Amino acid sequence: MGFDEEWGQLRAAATARVNSGAPAEPVARVPEPEPAPVDAAAAREAVLERLADFRSRVVLVPLDERGGLWTAELGGLDWICAFSGLETLARFADARGEAEREWPYRRIVGERLLDEVIPALDFPCGVALDAAGPDGIVFPPVRGLVPDGAALDGDGPEEKA
């Protein structure tokens, strides 16, 4: 029996039930699986390890048409896009449909991005590492990641009297 025939039989049976006033057959519901418990301490430790790795790593930051560090806006915040290597930068370019164009970049230590570059900007900005990859991570401009004066939850320029 093909799909059309089976579908026709099911529709006919449903129509007959409705016309006869018979109650609909209950649908068995499969219970949703319980989410796995999250080990908050382990998750925090993993993020701190990624942060320490980023701070000590030389990353590639594409340059915009004016020669400045290339940023992207997401969620109302600007992000400096940084890449752990040429492969991840190429994956990003491909995901944007711009793999054929030249992507000039600058090498910079992650610590310098967080501690010097972001505080020097006149707008809030975070860092997105390996944005188009499965291991991407973002470092938002918050205390503990950037100096308090550049942190959105710190004593930023807009909060100083």
N, C-alpha and C. Protein backbone atom coordinates (compact mmCIF):
# COMPACT_ATOMS: atom_id res chain seq x y z
N MET A 1 0.86 -1.17 0.00
CA MET A 1 0.00 0.00 0.00
C MET A 1 0.90 1.23 0.00
N GLY A 2 0.59 2.18 -0.86
CA GLY A 2 1.36 3.41 -0.96
C GLY A 2 0.92 4.44 0.06
N PHE A 3 1.68 5.51 0.11
CA PHE A 3 1.39 6.58 1.07
C PHE A 3 0.00 7.16 0.85
N ASP A 4 -0.34 7.44 -0.41
CA ASP A 4 -1.65 8.05 -0.71
C ASP A 4 -2.80 7.16 -0.26
N GLU A 5 -2.65 5.85 -0.48
CA GLU A 5 -3.71 4.93 -0.07
C GLU A 5 -3.84 4.89 1.46
N GLU A 6 -2.68 4.79 2.12
CA GLU A 6 -2.71 4.74 3.59
C GLU A 6 -3.27 6.03 4.16
N TRP A 7 -2.84 7.18 3.61
CA TRP A 7 -3.34 8.47 4.06
C TRP A 7 -4.85 8.56 3.85
N GLY A 8 -5.34 8.08 2.71
CA GLY A 8 -6.78 8.08 2.44
C GLY A 8 -7.55 7.25 3.45
N GLN A 9 -7.01 6.08 3.80
CA GLN A 9 -7.68 5.22 4.78
C GLN A 9 -7.72 5.89 6.16
N LEU A 10 -6.61 6.52 6.54
CA LEU A 10 -6.57 7.20 7.84
C LEU A 10 -7.56 8.36 7.88
N ARG A 11 -7.64 9.13 6.80
CA ARG A 11 -8.61 10.24 6.74
C ARG A 11 -10.04 9.73 6.81
N ALA A 12 -10.31 8.65 6.10
CA ALA A 12 -11.66 8.07 6.12
C ALA A 12 -12.02 7.59 7.52
N ALA A 13 -11.09 6.93 8.20
CA ALA A 13 -11.34 6.44 9.55
C ALA A 13 -11.57 7.61 10.51
N ALA A 14 -10.77 8.68 10.39
CA ALA A 14 -10.93 9.85 11.25
C ALA A 14 -12.27 10.53 11.00
N THR A 15 -12.67 10.63 9.73
CA THR A 15 -13.95 11.24 9.39
C THR A 15 -15.10 10.42 9.96
N ALA A 16 -15.01 9.11 9.87
CA ALA A 16 -16.05 8.23 10.41
C ALA A 16 -16.16 8.40 11.93
N ARG A 17 -15.03 8.50 12.63
CA ARG A 17 -15.05 8.69 14.08
C ARG A 17 -15.73 10.01 14.44
N VAL A 18 -15.36 11.07 13.72
CA VAL A 18 -15.93 12.38 14.01
C VAL A 18 -17.43 12.36 13.75
N ASN A 19 -17.86 11.77 12.64
CA ASN A 19 -19.28 11.72 12.29
C ASN A 19 -20.07 10.88 13.27
N SER A 20 -19.45 9.84 13.86
CA SER A 20 -20.18 8.97 14.79
C SER A 20 -20.16 9.51 16.21
N GLY A 21 -19.35 10.54 16.45
CA GLY A 21 -19.26 11.11 17.80
C GLY A 21 -18.36 10.29 18.72
N ALA A 22 -17.65 9.32 18.20
CA ALA A 22 -16.74 8.50 19.02
C ALA A 22 -15.55 9.35 19.46
N PRO A 23 -15.10 9.14 20.69
CA PRO A 23 -13.94 9.91 21.15
C PRO A 23 -12.68 9.52 20.37
N ALA A 24 -11.83 10.46 20.22
CA ALA A 24 -10.57 10.20 19.53
C ALA A 24 -9.71 9.28 20.38
N GLU A 25 -8.93 8.47 19.70
CA GLU A 25 -8.04 7.56 20.42
C GLU A 25 -6.91 8.39 21.02
N PRO A 26 -6.58 8.07 22.27
CA PRO A 26 -5.49 8.84 22.89
C PRO A 26 -4.17 8.56 22.17
N VAL A 27 -3.38 9.61 22.07
CA VAL A 27 -2.07 9.49 21.44
C VAL A 27 -1.04 9.24 22.53
N ALA A 28 -0.26 8.20 22.34
CA ALA A 28 0.78 7.89 23.32
C ALA A 28 1.88 8.95 23.22
N ARG A 29 2.20 9.55 24.31
CA ARG A 29 3.24 10.57 24.32
C ARG A 29 4.53 9.97 24.87
N VAL A 30 5.57 10.24 24.16
CA VAL A 30 6.89 9.79 24.60
C VAL A 30 7.43 10.85 25.53
N PRO A 31 7.79 10.46 26.75
CA PRO A 31 8.29 11.48 27.67
C PRO A 31 9.62 12.05 27.17
N GLU A 32 9.78 13.35 27.38
CA GLU A 32 11.03 14.02 27.00
C GLU A 32 12.12 13.55 27.95
N PRO A 33 13.30 13.30 27.40
CA PRO A 33 14.39 12.87 28.30
C PRO A 33 14.78 14.00 29.24
N GLU A 34 15.14 13.62 30.43
CA GLU A 34 15.60 14.61 31.41
C GLU A 34 16.94 15.17 30.94
N PRO A 35 17.12 16.47 31.03
CA PRO A 35 18.42 17.03 30.64
C PRO A 35 19.50 16.51 31.58
N ALA A 36 20.66 16.29 31.02
CA ALA A 36 21.79 15.83 31.83
C ALA A 36 22.16 16.92 32.82
N PRO A 37 22.45 16.52 34.05
CA PRO A 37 22.84 17.54 35.02
C PRO A 37 24.13 18.23 34.59
N VAL A 38 24.19 19.52 34.83
CA VAL A 38 25.37 20.30 34.46
C VAL A 38 26.24 20.46 35.70
N ASP A 39 27.49 20.11 35.55
CA ASP A 39 28.44 20.30 36.63
C ASP A 39 28.99 21.72 36.47
N ALA A 40 28.42 22.66 37.22
CA ALA A 40 28.77 24.07 37.08
C ALA A 40 30.25 24.31 37.35
N ALA A 41 30.81 23.63 38.32
CA ALA A 41 32.23 23.82 38.63
C ALA A 41 33.10 23.37 37.47
N ALA A 42 32.75 22.24 36.86
CA ALA A 42 33.53 21.74 35.73
C ALA A 42 33.38 22.66 34.53
N ALA A 43 32.17 23.18 34.30
CA ALA A 43 31.94 24.09 33.18
C ALA A 43 32.74 25.38 33.38
N ARG A 44 32.75 25.91 34.60
CA ARG A 44 33.51 27.13 34.89
C ARG A 44 35.00 26.88 34.67
N GLU A 45 35.48 25.74 35.13
CA GLU A 45 36.90 25.40 34.97
C GLU A 45 37.26 25.30 33.49
N ALA A 46 36.37 24.71 32.69
CA ALA A 46 36.63 24.58 31.25
C ALA A 46 36.71 25.95 30.59
N VAL A 47 35.83 26.87 30.97
CA VAL A 47 35.86 28.22 30.40
C VAL A 47 37.14 28.94 30.82
N LEU A 48 37.53 28.79 32.07
CA LEU A 48 38.76 29.45 32.54
C LEU A 48 39.99 28.89 31.83
N GLU A 49 39.97 27.60 31.52
CA GLU A 49 41.07 27.01 30.75
C GLU A 49 41.11 27.58 29.34
N ARG A 50 39.94 27.70 28.71
CA ARG A 50 39.89 28.29 27.36
C ARG A 50 40.36 29.74 27.39
N LEU A 51 39.97 30.48 28.43
CA LEU A 51 40.40 31.87 28.56
C LEU A 51 41.91 31.95 28.72
N ALA A 52 42.48 31.12 29.59
CA ALA A 52 43.93 31.13 29.79
C ALA A 52 44.66 30.78 28.49
N ASP A 53 44.13 29.80 27.76
CA ASP A 53 44.72 29.43 26.48
C ASP A 53 44.66 30.60 25.50
N PHE A 54 43.50 31.26 25.43
CA PHE A 54 43.34 32.40 24.52
C PHE A 54 44.30 33.52 24.89
N ARG A 55 44.40 33.83 26.17
CA ARG A 55 45.25 34.95 26.60
C ARG A 55 46.71 34.73 26.22
N SER A 56 47.16 33.48 26.18
CA SER A 56 48.57 33.19 25.88
C SER A 56 48.81 32.88 24.41
N ARG A 57 47.77 32.83 23.61
CA ARG A 57 47.86 32.41 22.21
C ARG A 57 47.99 33.61 21.27
N VAL A 58 48.74 33.42 20.20
CA VAL A 58 48.77 34.40 19.12
C VAL A 58 47.61 34.04 18.19
N VAL A 59 46.74 35.00 17.94
CA VAL A 59 45.57 34.77 17.09
C VAL A 59 45.67 35.66 15.85
N LEU A 60 44.88 35.32 14.86
CA LEU A 60 44.80 36.11 13.63
C LEU A 60 43.52 36.93 13.68
N VAL A 61 43.65 38.22 13.45
CA VAL A 61 42.48 39.10 13.41
C VAL A 61 42.44 39.74 12.03
N PRO A 62 41.38 39.46 11.24
CA PRO A 62 41.27 40.08 9.92
C PRO A 62 41.19 41.60 10.04
N LEU A 63 41.63 42.26 8.99
CA LEU A 63 41.60 43.72 8.94
C LEU A 63 40.46 44.18 8.04
N ASP A 64 39.84 45.29 8.40
CA ASP A 64 38.79 45.84 7.56
C ASP A 64 39.39 46.66 6.42
N GLU A 65 38.55 47.28 5.61
CA GLU A 65 39.04 48.01 4.43
C GLU A 65 39.88 49.23 4.80
N ARG A 66 39.78 49.71 6.04
CA ARG A 66 40.59 50.85 6.49
C ARG A 66 41.86 50.41 7.22
N GLY A 67 42.07 49.08 7.34
CA GLY A 67 43.24 48.57 8.02
C GLY A 67 43.06 48.37 9.52
N GLY A 68 41.84 48.62 10.01
CA GLY A 68 41.55 48.39 11.42
C GLY A 68 41.14 46.95 11.66
N LEU A 69 41.04 46.57 12.93
CA LEU A 69 40.61 45.22 13.26
C LEU A 69 39.15 45.03 12.85
N TRP A 70 38.89 43.93 12.17
CA TRP A 70 37.56 43.65 11.63
C TRP A 70 36.64 43.23 12.75
N THR A 71 35.47 43.87 12.82
CA THR A 71 34.47 43.52 13.84
C THR A 71 33.16 43.17 13.17
N ALA A 72 32.34 42.46 13.93
CA ALA A 72 30.98 42.13 13.48
C ALA A 72 30.03 42.46 14.61
N GLU A 73 28.84 42.90 14.26
CA GLU A 73 27.83 43.23 15.27
C GLU A 73 26.92 42.02 15.44
N LEU A 74 26.69 41.65 16.68
CA LEU A 74 25.77 40.56 17.00
C LEU A 74 25.17 40.81 18.37
N GLY A 75 23.87 40.78 18.44
CA GLY A 75 23.20 40.96 19.73
C GLY A 75 23.38 42.35 20.32
N GLY A 76 23.55 43.36 19.45
CA GLY A 76 23.69 44.73 19.92
C GLY A 76 25.08 45.05 20.43
N LEU A 77 26.04 44.17 20.19
CA LEU A 77 27.40 44.37 20.66
C LEU A 77 28.37 44.08 19.52
N ASP A 78 29.45 44.83 19.46
CA ASP A 78 30.48 44.57 18.46
C ASP A 78 31.43 43.51 18.99
N TRP A 79 31.95 42.69 18.07
CA TRP A 79 32.87 41.60 18.40
C TRP A 79 34.06 41.65 17.47
N ILE A 80 35.25 41.64 18.03
CA ILE A 80 36.46 41.47 17.23
C ILE A 80 36.53 39.99 16.89
N CYS A 81 36.61 39.68 15.61
CA CYS A 81 36.69 38.27 15.20
C CYS A 81 38.15 37.86 15.16
N ALA A 82 38.49 36.86 15.96
CA ALA A 82 39.85 36.36 16.04
C ALA A 82 39.83 34.87 15.68
N PHE A 83 40.94 34.39 15.14
CA PHE A 83 41.01 33.01 14.68
C PHE A 83 42.29 32.36 15.16
N SER A 84 42.17 31.10 15.55
CA SER A 84 43.32 30.38 16.10
C SER A 84 44.31 29.95 15.02
N GLY A 85 43.92 30.02 13.75
CA GLY A 85 44.82 29.65 12.67
C GLY A 85 44.22 29.96 11.31
N LEU A 86 45.00 29.72 10.29
CA LEU A 86 44.54 29.99 8.92
C LEU A 86 43.35 29.12 8.55
N GLU A 87 43.30 27.89 9.06
CA GLU A 87 42.18 26.99 8.72
C GLU A 87 40.86 27.54 9.24
N THR A 88 40.86 28.04 10.47
CA THR A 88 39.62 28.57 11.03
C THR A 88 39.22 29.89 10.37
N LEU A 89 40.20 30.69 9.98
CA LEU A 89 39.91 31.92 9.23
C LEU A 89 39.32 31.56 7.87
N ALA A 90 39.87 30.54 7.21
CA ALA A 90 39.35 30.11 5.90
C ALA A 90 37.92 29.58 6.03
N ARG A 91 37.64 28.84 7.11
CA ARG A 91 36.29 28.32 7.34
C ARG A 91 35.31 29.47 7.51
N PHE A 92 35.72 30.51 8.22
CA PHE A 92 34.89 31.69 8.43
C PHE A 92 34.61 32.39 7.10
N ALA A 93 35.66 32.57 6.29
CA ALA A 93 35.51 33.23 4.98
C ALA A 93 34.57 32.42 4.11
N ASP A 94 34.71 31.11 4.13
CA ASP A 94 33.84 30.24 3.34
C ASP A 94 32.39 30.34 3.82
N ALA A 95 32.18 30.36 5.13
CA ALA A 95 30.82 30.47 5.68
C ALA A 95 30.16 31.79 5.27
N ARG A 96 30.95 32.81 5.08
CA ARG A 96 30.43 34.11 4.65
C ARG A 96 30.28 34.20 3.14
N GLY A 97 30.72 33.16 2.41
CA GLY A 97 30.67 33.19 0.95
C GLY A 97 31.74 34.10 0.37
N GLU A 98 32.81 34.33 1.11
CA GLU A 98 33.87 35.24 0.69
C GLU A 98 35.22 34.56 0.69
N ALA A 99 35.24 33.27 0.37
CA ALA A 99 36.49 32.51 0.41
C ALA A 99 37.47 32.94 -0.68
N GLU A 100 36.96 33.53 -1.76
CA GLU A 100 37.83 33.89 -2.89
C GLU A 100 38.56 35.22 -2.69
N ARG A 101 38.06 36.06 -1.80
CA ARG A 101 38.72 37.36 -1.63
C ARG A 101 39.91 37.22 -0.68
N GLU A 102 40.81 38.18 -0.75
CA GLU A 102 41.96 38.19 0.15
C GLU A 102 41.51 38.67 1.53
N TRP A 103 41.99 38.00 2.56
CA TRP A 103 41.67 38.37 3.94
C TRP A 103 42.95 38.78 4.66
N PRO A 104 43.35 40.05 4.54
CA PRO A 104 44.54 40.47 5.28
C PRO A 104 44.25 40.37 6.78
N TYR A 105 45.27 40.04 7.54
CA TYR A 105 45.07 39.88 8.97
C TYR A 105 46.31 40.34 9.72
N ARG A 106 46.13 40.48 11.02
CA ARG A 106 47.22 40.86 11.90
C ARG A 106 47.33 39.79 12.98
N ARG A 107 48.54 39.45 13.34
CA ARG A 107 48.78 38.51 14.44
C ARG A 107 48.85 39.32 15.74
N ILE A 108 48.14 38.85 16.76
CA ILE A 108 48.13 39.56 18.04
C ILE A 108 47.91 38.54 19.16
N VAL A 109 48.52 38.77 20.28
CA VAL A 109 48.35 37.90 21.44
C VAL A 109 46.98 38.19 22.07
N GLY A 110 46.24 37.15 22.42
CA GLY A 110 44.91 37.30 22.99
C GLY A 110 44.88 38.21 24.20
N GLU A 111 45.88 38.11 25.05
CA GLU A 111 45.95 38.96 26.24
C GLU A 111 45.97 40.44 25.85
N ARG A 112 46.68 40.76 24.81
CA ARG A 112 46.76 42.16 24.37
C ARG A 112 45.40 42.64 23.85
N LEU A 113 44.68 41.76 23.15
CA LEU A 113 43.33 42.13 22.69
C LEU A 113 42.44 42.50 23.87
N LEU A 114 42.44 41.63 24.88
CA LEU A 114 41.55 41.84 26.02
C LEU A 114 41.99 42.99 26.92
N ASP A 115 43.31 43.12 27.15
CA ASP A 115 43.79 44.07 28.14
C ASP A 115 44.16 45.44 27.59
N GLU A 116 44.45 45.53 26.27
CA GLU A 116 44.89 46.80 25.71
C GLU A 116 43.96 47.32 24.61
N VAL A 117 43.63 46.45 23.67
CA VAL A 117 42.84 46.90 22.52
C VAL A 117 41.41 47.25 22.93
N ILE A 118 40.73 46.35 23.60
CA ILE A 118 39.33 46.61 23.98
C ILE A 118 39.20 47.84 24.87
N PRO A 119 40.05 48.04 25.89
CA PRO A 119 39.92 49.27 26.68
C PRO A 119 40.18 50.54 25.88
N ALA A 120 40.94 50.45 24.80
CA ALA A 120 41.25 51.64 24.00
C ALA A 120 40.10 52.04 23.07
N LEU A 121 39.14 51.17 22.89
CA LEU A 121 38.00 51.46 22.00
C LEU A 121 37.02 52.39 22.69
N ASP A 122 36.31 53.18 21.89
CA ASP A 122 35.31 54.08 22.47
C ASP A 122 33.90 53.49 22.40
N PHE A 123 33.82 52.16 22.25
CA PHE A 123 32.54 51.46 22.25
C PHE A 123 32.74 50.09 22.87
N PRO A 124 31.72 49.51 23.48
CA PRO A 124 31.86 48.18 24.09
C PRO A 124 32.10 47.13 23.00
N CYS A 125 33.03 46.25 23.27
CA CYS A 125 33.38 45.25 22.27
C CYS A 125 33.91 44.00 22.97
N GLY A 126 33.55 42.83 22.44
CA GLY A 126 34.07 41.57 22.94
C GLY A 126 34.91 40.92 21.86
N VAL A 127 35.34 39.68 22.12
CA VAL A 127 36.13 38.93 21.16
C VAL A 127 35.41 37.61 20.87
N ALA A 128 35.26 37.31 19.59
CA ALA A 128 34.70 36.03 19.16
C ALA A 128 35.84 35.22 18.55
N LEU A 129 36.19 34.12 19.19
CA LEU A 129 37.29 33.27 18.72
C LEU A 129 36.73 32.13 17.89
N ASP A 130 37.25 31.97 16.68
CA ASP A 130 36.85 30.87 15.77
C ASP A 130 35.34 30.82 15.57
N ALA A 131 34.79 31.95 15.14
CA ALA A 131 33.34 32.13 15.04
C ALA A 131 32.63 31.10 14.17
N ALA A 132 33.23 30.60 13.12
CA ALA A 132 32.52 29.68 12.23
C ALA A 132 32.85 28.23 12.51
N GLY A 133 33.47 27.95 13.62
CA GLY A 133 33.88 26.58 13.90
C GLY A 133 33.12 25.96 15.06
N PRO A 134 33.22 24.67 15.19
CA PRO A 134 32.50 23.98 16.26
C PRO A 134 33.05 24.28 17.64
N ASP A 135 34.28 24.78 17.71
CA ASP A 135 34.89 25.08 19.01
C ASP A 135 34.96 26.56 19.30
N GLY A 136 34.12 27.34 18.61
CA GLY A 136 34.13 28.78 18.82
C GLY A 136 33.70 29.14 20.23
N ILE A 137 34.17 30.29 20.67
CA ILE A 137 33.82 30.79 22.00
C ILE A 137 33.85 32.31 21.95
N VAL A 138 33.05 32.94 22.79
CA VAL A 138 33.05 34.40 22.86
C VAL A 138 33.54 34.83 24.24
N PHE A 139 34.24 35.95 24.23
CA PHE A 139 34.72 36.57 25.46
C PHE A 139 34.09 37.95 25.51
N PRO A 140 32.96 38.08 26.20
CA PRO A 140 32.27 39.37 26.25
C PRO A 140 33.03 40.37 27.12
N PRO A 141 32.75 41.65 26.93
CA PRO A 141 33.44 42.67 27.73
C PRO A 141 32.85 42.77 29.14
N VAL A 142 33.18 41.81 29.97
CA VAL A 142 32.70 41.79 31.35
C VAL A 142 33.90 41.67 32.30
N ARG A 143 33.67 42.04 33.57
CA ARG A 143 34.73 41.94 34.57
C ARG A 143 35.26 40.52 34.63
N GLY A 144 36.55 40.41 34.81
CA GLY A 144 37.19 39.11 34.85
C GLY A 144 37.76 38.71 33.51
N LEU A 145 37.23 39.31 32.44
CA LEU A 145 37.74 39.04 31.09
C LEU A 145 38.50 40.23 30.54
N VAL A 146 37.97 41.41 30.78
CA VAL A 146 38.62 42.65 30.34
C VAL A 146 38.79 43.54 31.58
N PRO A 147 39.65 44.55 31.50
CA PRO A 147 39.80 45.47 32.65
C PRO A 147 38.45 46.09 33.03
N ASP A 148 38.27 46.33 34.32
CA ASP A 148 36.99 46.85 34.82
C ASP A 148 36.51 48.09 34.08
N GLY A 149 37.42 48.97 33.69
CA GLY A 149 37.05 50.20 33.00
C GLY A 149 36.44 49.96 31.63
N ALA A 150 36.70 48.80 31.03
CA ALA A 150 36.15 48.48 29.72
C ALA A 150 34.99 47.49 29.81
N ALA A 151 34.71 47.02 31.02
CA ALA A 151 33.66 46.01 31.22
C ALA A 151 32.28 46.65 31.27
N LEU A 152 31.33 46.01 30.65
CA LEU A 152 29.95 46.51 30.69
C LEU A 152 29.40 46.48 32.11
N ASP A 153 29.89 45.56 32.92
CA ASP A 153 29.43 45.47 34.30
C ASP A 153 30.45 46.08 35.27
N GLY A 154 31.33 46.92 34.75
CA GLY A 154 32.36 47.55 35.58
C GLY A 154 32.19 49.05 35.59
N ASP A 155 33.29 49.75 35.82
CA ASP A 155 33.29 51.20 35.87
C ASP A 155 33.66 51.76 34.50
N GLY A 156 32.84 51.45 33.50
CA GLY A 156 33.10 51.92 32.14
C GLY A 156 33.01 53.42 32.05
N PRO A 157 33.48 53.99 30.93
CA PRO A 157 33.49 55.44 30.75
C PRO A 157 32.12 56.08 30.92
N GLU A 158 31.06 55.37 30.51
CA GLU A 158 29.73 55.97 30.59
C GLU A 158 29.22 56.05 32.03
N GLU A 159 29.87 55.31 32.96
CA GLU A 159 29.41 55.32 34.34
C GLU A 159 30.23 56.26 35.22
N LYS A 160 31.36 56.74 34.71
CA LYS A 160 32.22 57.60 35.51
C LYS A 160 31.62 59.00 35.58
N ALA A 161 31.76 59.63 36.73
CA ALA A 161 31.21 60.97 36.92
C ALA A 161 32.23 62.02 36.54
